[in-house]
Amino acid sequence: MVKMTDFTRVFIHGRDSSSRGTKGSFFREKYPEMLIDDYTGALEERMAKLERGLSGRKELILVGSSLGGLMATLFACNHAPSVRRLILLAPALRLAHLCAYDSTPLQLPVTLYHGKQDVVVLPEPTRQVAAKLFLNLDYHLVEDDHNLRCVFPTLDWDGLLEIANK
């Protein structure tokens, strides 16, 4: 039986959000043991904080939204053995140079949700990057916008976060 404590689950918010945004608040309420922090500044600053916060942790399940999706991806590319799975919500994969990882795609399970009406992070270019970068990609193009306001609360979070018999 998988319990909340068997894995380290982490939520990484987007550029213009915080740990107190809609998604962060949802996770904090439903999964109080989930690691949810605030990230500010340039991508390099955010990544340094993420690296410090996750140092030495294993069996990570990373949930990243928008820029947080890029951060989760970059972390996984650099620490693949420590990451169990990625759950990406309209990830801003095109904001960084990921070509270095094209030659060694990630084999870990990746679930990606992207809204068809997203005008912040365009779905098709993101799908193209994801298809090259992730060998085990479960891609969902849904009727929603960048924030996934309609779809997000309806997802099977217990299943995605590998929580059984909660």
C-alpha atoms as a PDB file:
ATOM      1  CA  MET A   1       0.000   0.000   0.000  1.00  0.00           C
ATOM      2  CA  VAL A   2       1.328   3.425  -0.968  1.00  0.00           C
ATOM      3  CA  LYS A   3       0.987   6.129   1.658  1.00  0.00           C
ATOM      4  CA  MET A   4       1.519   9.874   1.444  1.00  0.00           C
ATOM      5  CA  THR A   5       4.913   9.486   3.115  1.00  0.00           C
ATOM      6  CA  ASP A   6       6.313   6.854   0.726  1.00  0.00           C
ATOM      7  CA  PHE A   7       7.321   9.482  -1.819  1.00  0.00           C
ATOM      8  CA  THR A   8       8.259  13.134  -1.696  1.00  0.00           C
ATOM      9  CA  ARG A   9       5.644  15.108  -3.571  1.00  0.00           C
ATOM     10  CA  VAL A  10       6.470  18.649  -4.624  1.00  0.00           C
ATOM     11  CA  PHE A  11       4.419  21.420  -6.225  1.00  0.00           C
ATOM     12  CA  ILE A  12       6.284  24.147  -8.142  1.00  0.00           C
ATOM     13  CA  HIS A  13       4.199  27.189  -9.049  1.00  0.00           C
ATOM     14  CA  GLY A  14       4.484  29.380 -12.130  1.00  0.00           C
ATOM     15  CA  ARG A  15       6.177  32.734 -12.665  1.00  0.00           C
ATOM     16  CA  ASP A  16       3.312  35.001 -11.655  1.00  0.00           C
ATOM     17  CA  SER A  17       1.936  32.764  -8.918  1.00  0.00           C
ATOM     18  CA  SER A  18       2.991  31.664  -5.440  1.00  0.00           C
ATOM     19  CA  SER A  19       2.562  28.807  -3.022  1.00  0.00           C
ATOM     20  CA  ARG A  20      -0.710  30.504  -2.000  1.00  0.00           C
ATOM     21  CA  GLY A  21      -2.186  30.560  -5.523  1.00  0.00           C
ATOM     22  CA  THR A  22      -5.128  28.401  -6.578  1.00  0.00           C
ATOM     23  CA  LYS A  23      -3.092  25.267  -7.249  1.00  0.00           C
ATOM     24  CA  GLY A  24      -0.787  25.699  -4.251  1.00  0.00           C
ATOM     25  CA  SER A  25      -3.775  26.206  -1.959  1.00  0.00           C
ATOM     26  CA  PHE A  26      -5.500  23.130  -3.432  1.00  0.00           C
ATOM     27  CA  PHE A  27      -2.455  20.942  -2.804  1.00  0.00           C
ATOM     28  CA  ARG A  28      -1.797  22.395   0.657  1.00  0.00           C
ATOM     29  CA  GLU A  29      -5.359  21.598   1.739  1.00  0.00           C
ATOM     30  CA  LYS A  30      -5.693  18.153   0.143  1.00  0.00           C
ATOM     31  CA  TYR A  31      -2.092  16.949   0.592  1.00  0.00           C
ATOM     32  CA  PRO A  32      -0.632  18.684   3.672  1.00  0.00           C
ATOM     33  CA  GLU A  33       2.630  16.695   3.501  1.00  0.00           C
ATOM     34  CA  MET A  34       3.352  17.947  -0.025  1.00  0.00           C
ATOM     35  CA  LEU A  35       6.332  20.300  -0.293  1.00  0.00           C
ATOM     36  CA  ILE A  36       5.104  23.679  -1.510  1.00  0.00           C
ATOM     37  CA  ASP A  37       7.492  26.619  -1.507  1.00  0.00           C
ATOM     38  CA  ASP A  38       7.662  30.097  -3.021  1.00  0.00           C
ATOM     39  CA  TYR A  39      10.042  30.808  -5.892  1.00  0.00           C
ATOM     40  CA  THR A  40      10.928  34.326  -6.998  1.00  0.00           C
ATOM     41  CA  GLY A  41      13.496  35.999  -9.183  1.00  0.00           C
ATOM     42  CA  ALA A  42      15.182  34.790 -12.339  1.00  0.00           C
ATOM     43  CA  LEU A  43      15.040  31.145 -13.398  1.00  0.00           C
ATOM     44  CA  GLU A  44      18.586  30.583 -12.089  1.00  0.00           C
ATOM     45  CA  GLU A  45      17.591  31.848  -8.613  1.00  0.00           C
ATOM     46  CA  ARG A  46      14.470  29.717  -8.602  1.00  0.00           C
ATOM     47  CA  MET A  47      16.418  26.634  -9.667  1.00  0.00           C
ATOM     48  CA  ALA A  48      19.068  27.211  -6.984  1.00  0.00           C
ATOM     49  CA  LYS A  49      16.353  27.319  -4.318  1.00  0.00           C
ATOM     50  CA  LEU A  50      14.689  24.189  -5.735  1.00  0.00           C
ATOM     51  CA  GLU A  51      18.054  22.378  -5.783  1.00  0.00           C
ATOM     52  CA  ARG A  52      18.663  23.296  -2.122  1.00  0.00           C
ATOM     53  CA  GLY A  53      15.165  22.253  -1.089  1.00  0.00           C
ATOM     54  CA  LEU A  54      15.306  18.864  -2.793  1.00  0.00           C
ATOM     55  CA  SER A  55      18.951  18.037  -2.089  1.00  0.00           C
ATOM     56  CA  GLY A  56      19.358  14.407  -1.043  1.00  0.00           C
ATOM     57  CA  ARG A  57      15.688  13.524  -1.559  1.00  0.00           C
ATOM     58  CA  LYS A  58      14.673  10.472  -3.576  1.00  0.00           C
ATOM     59  CA  GLU A  59      11.430   9.125  -5.046  1.00  0.00           C
ATOM     60  CA  LEU A  60      10.312  12.621  -6.021  1.00  0.00           C
ATOM     61  CA  ILE A  61       6.983  13.256  -7.703  1.00  0.00           C
ATOM     62  CA  LEU A  62       7.215  16.750  -9.137  1.00  0.00           C
ATOM     63  CA  VAL A  63       4.146  18.744 -10.149  1.00  0.00           C
ATOM     64  CA  GLY A  64       5.060  21.872 -12.091  1.00  0.00           C
ATOM     65  CA  SER A  65       2.783  24.565 -13.460  1.00  0.00           C
ATOM     66  CA  SER A  66       3.932  26.831 -16.317  1.00  0.00           C
ATOM     67  CA  LEU A  67       7.444  28.047 -15.352  1.00  0.00           C
ATOM     68  CA  GLY A  68       7.263  25.520 -12.512  1.00  0.00           C
ATOM     69  CA  GLY A  69       6.867  22.839 -15.185  1.00  0.00           C
ATOM     70  CA  LEU A  70      10.094  23.984 -16.789  1.00  0.00           C
ATOM     71  CA  MET A  71      11.772  23.962 -13.367  1.00  0.00           C
ATOM     72  CA  ALA A  72      10.546  20.422 -12.660  1.00  0.00           C
ATOM     73  CA  THR A  73      11.816  19.329 -16.073  1.00  0.00           C
ATOM     74  CA  LEU A  74      15.239  20.920 -15.605  1.00  0.00           C
ATOM     75  CA  PHE A  75      15.531  19.327 -12.169  1.00  0.00           C
ATOM     76  CA  ALA A  76      14.570  15.918 -13.585  1.00  0.00           C
ATOM     77  CA  CYS A  77      17.071  16.261 -16.425  1.00  0.00           C
ATOM     78  CA  ASN A  78      19.846  16.862 -13.879  1.00  0.00           C
ATOM     79  CA  HIS A  79      18.644  14.371 -11.243  1.00  0.00           C
ATOM     80  CA  ALA A  80      16.746  11.676 -13.167  1.00  0.00           C
ATOM     81  CA  PRO A  81      17.545   8.838 -10.695  1.00  0.00           C
ATOM     82  CA  SER A  82      15.911  10.844  -7.878  1.00  0.00           C
ATOM     83  CA  VAL A  83      12.701  11.628  -9.771  1.00  0.00           C
ATOM     84  CA  ARG A  84       9.899   9.070  -9.848  1.00  0.00           C
ATOM     85  CA  ARG A  85       7.563  11.014 -12.152  1.00  0.00           C
ATOM     86  CA  LEU A  86       6.650  14.433 -13.518  1.00  0.00           C
ATOM     87  CA  ILE A  87       3.189  15.980 -13.747  1.00  0.00           C
ATOM     88  CA  LEU A  88       3.350  19.074 -15.939  1.00  0.00           C
ATOM     89  CA  LEU A  89       0.580  21.658 -16.263  1.00  0.00           C
ATOM     90  CA  ALA A  90       0.998  23.914 -19.323  1.00  0.00           C
ATOM     91  CA  PRO A  91       4.785  23.777 -18.850  1.00  0.00           C
ATOM     92  CA  ALA A  92       6.894  26.603 -20.273  1.00  0.00           C
ATOM     93  CA  LEU A  93       9.371  24.177 -21.846  1.00  0.00           C
ATOM     94  CA  ARG A  94      10.399  26.582 -24.615  1.00  0.00           C
ATOM     95  CA  LEU A  95      11.778  29.190 -22.209  1.00  0.00           C
ATOM     96  CA  ALA A  96      15.069  27.363 -21.702  1.00  0.00           C
ATOM     97  CA  HIS A  97      17.623  25.698 -23.885  1.00  0.00           C
ATOM     98  CA  LEU A  98      16.756  22.014 -23.510  1.00  0.00           C
ATOM     99  CA  CYS A  99      18.710  20.849 -26.571  1.00  0.00           C
ATOM    100  CA  ALA A 100      21.439  19.417 -24.334  1.00  0.00           C
ATOM    101  CA  TYR A 101      18.888  16.879 -23.139  1.00  0.00           C
ATOM    102  CA  ASP A 102      17.626  15.929 -26.608  1.00  0.00           C
ATOM    103  CA  SER A 103      20.326  13.287 -26.989  1.00  0.00           C
ATOM    104  CA  THR A 104      19.346  11.608 -23.708  1.00  0.00           C
ATOM    105  CA  PRO A 105      15.565  11.828 -23.300  1.00  0.00           C
ATOM    106  CA  LEU A 106      14.060  11.142 -19.906  1.00  0.00           C
ATOM    107  CA  GLN A 107      12.542   7.701 -19.443  1.00  0.00           C
ATOM    108  CA  LEU A 108      10.545   8.441 -16.295  1.00  0.00           C
ATOM    109  CA  PRO A 109       6.757   8.727 -16.545  1.00  0.00           C
ATOM    110  CA  VAL A 110       5.542  12.203 -17.511  1.00  0.00           C
ATOM    111  CA  THR A 111       1.921  13.302 -17.533  1.00  0.00           C
ATOM    112  CA  LEU A 112       1.300  16.616 -19.273  1.00  0.00           C
ATOM    113  CA  TYR A 113      -1.921  18.634 -19.415  1.00  0.00           C
ATOM    114  CA  HIS A 114      -2.212  21.636 -21.701  1.00  0.00           C
ATOM    115  CA  GLY A 115      -5.201  23.810 -22.532  1.00  0.00           C
ATOM    116  CA  LYS A 116      -6.181  24.233 -26.191  1.00  0.00           C
ATOM    117  CA  GLN A 117      -6.934  27.920 -25.554  1.00  0.00           C
ATOM    118  CA  ASP A 118      -3.595  28.636 -23.844  1.00  0.00           C
ATOM    119  CA  VAL A 119      -2.211  31.896 -25.269  1.00  0.00           C
ATOM    120  CA  VAL A 120       0.559  32.218 -22.642  1.00  0.00           C
ATOM    121  CA  VAL A 121       2.401  28.966 -23.393  1.00  0.00           C
ATOM    122  CA  LEU A 122       1.410  27.700 -26.822  1.00  0.00           C
ATOM    123  CA  PRO A 123       0.395  24.035 -26.788  1.00  0.00           C
ATOM    124  CA  GLU A 124       1.872  22.781 -30.080  1.00  0.00           C
ATOM    125  CA  PRO A 125       5.465  23.994 -29.592  1.00  0.00           C
ATOM    126  CA  THR A 126       5.332  22.611 -26.046  1.00  0.00           C
ATOM    127  CA  ARG A 127       4.072  19.249 -27.308  1.00  0.00           C
ATOM    128  CA  GLN A 128       6.912  19.114 -29.842  1.00  0.00           C
ATOM    129  CA  VAL A 129       9.558  19.720 -27.166  1.00  0.00           C
ATOM    130  CA  ALA A 130       7.900  17.235 -24.808  1.00  0.00           C
ATOM    131  CA  ALA A 131       7.729  14.537 -27.502  1.00  0.00           C
ATOM    132  CA  LYS A 132      11.504  14.801 -27.986  1.00  0.00           C
ATOM    133  CA  LEU A 133      12.404  15.117 -24.323  1.00  0.00           C
ATOM    134  CA  PHE A 134      10.186  12.467 -22.704  1.00  0.00           C
ATOM    135  CA  LEU A 135      10.123   8.827 -23.820  1.00  0.00           C
ATOM    136  CA  ASN A 136       7.229   7.920 -21.491  1.00  0.00           C
ATOM    137  CA  LEU A 137       4.847  10.838 -22.166  1.00  0.00           C
ATOM    138  CA  ASP A 138       1.124  10.802 -21.400  1.00  0.00           C
ATOM    139  CA  TYR A 139      -0.031  13.993 -23.183  1.00  0.00           C
ATOM    140  CA  HIS A 140      -3.492  15.544 -22.748  1.00  0.00           C
ATOM    141  CA  LEU A 141      -4.659  18.521 -24.817  1.00  0.00           C
ATOM    142  CA  VAL A 142      -7.794  19.694 -23.009  1.00  0.00           C
ATOM    143  CA  GLU A 143     -10.575  22.253 -23.429  1.00  0.00           C
ATOM    144  CA  ASP A 144      -9.147  24.914 -21.146  1.00  0.00           C
ATOM    145  CA  ASP A 145      -6.796  27.899 -20.968  1.00  0.00           C
ATOM    146  CA  HIS A 146      -3.305  28.374 -19.512  1.00  0.00           C
ATOM    147  CA  ASN A 147      -4.424  28.157 -15.892  1.00  0.00           C
ATOM    148  CA  LEU A 148      -6.408  24.950 -16.473  1.00  0.00           C
ATOM    149  CA  ARG A 149      -9.100  26.325 -14.152  1.00  0.00           C
ATOM    150  CA  CYS A 150     -11.761  23.889 -15.397  1.00  0.00           C
ATOM    151  CA  VAL A 151      -9.652  20.743 -15.750  1.00  0.00           C
ATOM    152  CA  PHE A 152      -7.268  21.064 -12.779  1.00  0.00           C
ATOM    153  CA  PRO A 153      -9.754  20.336  -9.976  1.00  0.00           C
ATOM    154  CA  THR A 154     -11.253  17.375 -11.866  1.00  0.00           C
ATOM    155  CA  LEU A 155      -7.990  15.452 -12.322  1.00  0.00           C
ATOM    156  CA  ASP A 156      -7.400  12.212 -10.437  1.00  0.00           C
ATOM    157  CA  TRP A 157      -4.776  13.700  -8.129  1.00  0.00           C
ATOM    158  CA  ASP A 158      -4.659  10.667  -5.837  1.00  0.00           C
ATOM    159  CA  GLY A 159      -3.812   8.548  -8.887  1.00  0.00           C
ATOM    160  CA  LEU A 160      -1.355  11.034 -10.382  1.00  0.00           C
ATOM    161  CA  LEU A 161       0.408  11.431  -7.027  1.00  0.00           C
ATOM    162  CA  GLU A 162       0.356   7.663  -6.483  1.00  0.00           C
ATOM    163  CA  ILE A 163      -1.693   7.778  -3.312  1.00  0.00           C
ATOM    164  CA  ALA A 164      -3.640   4.626  -2.527  1.00  0.00           C
ATOM    165  CA  ASN A 165      -6.235   4.150   0.186  1.00  0.00           C
ATOM    166  CA  LYS A 166      -5.972   7.728   1.385  1.00  0.00           C
END
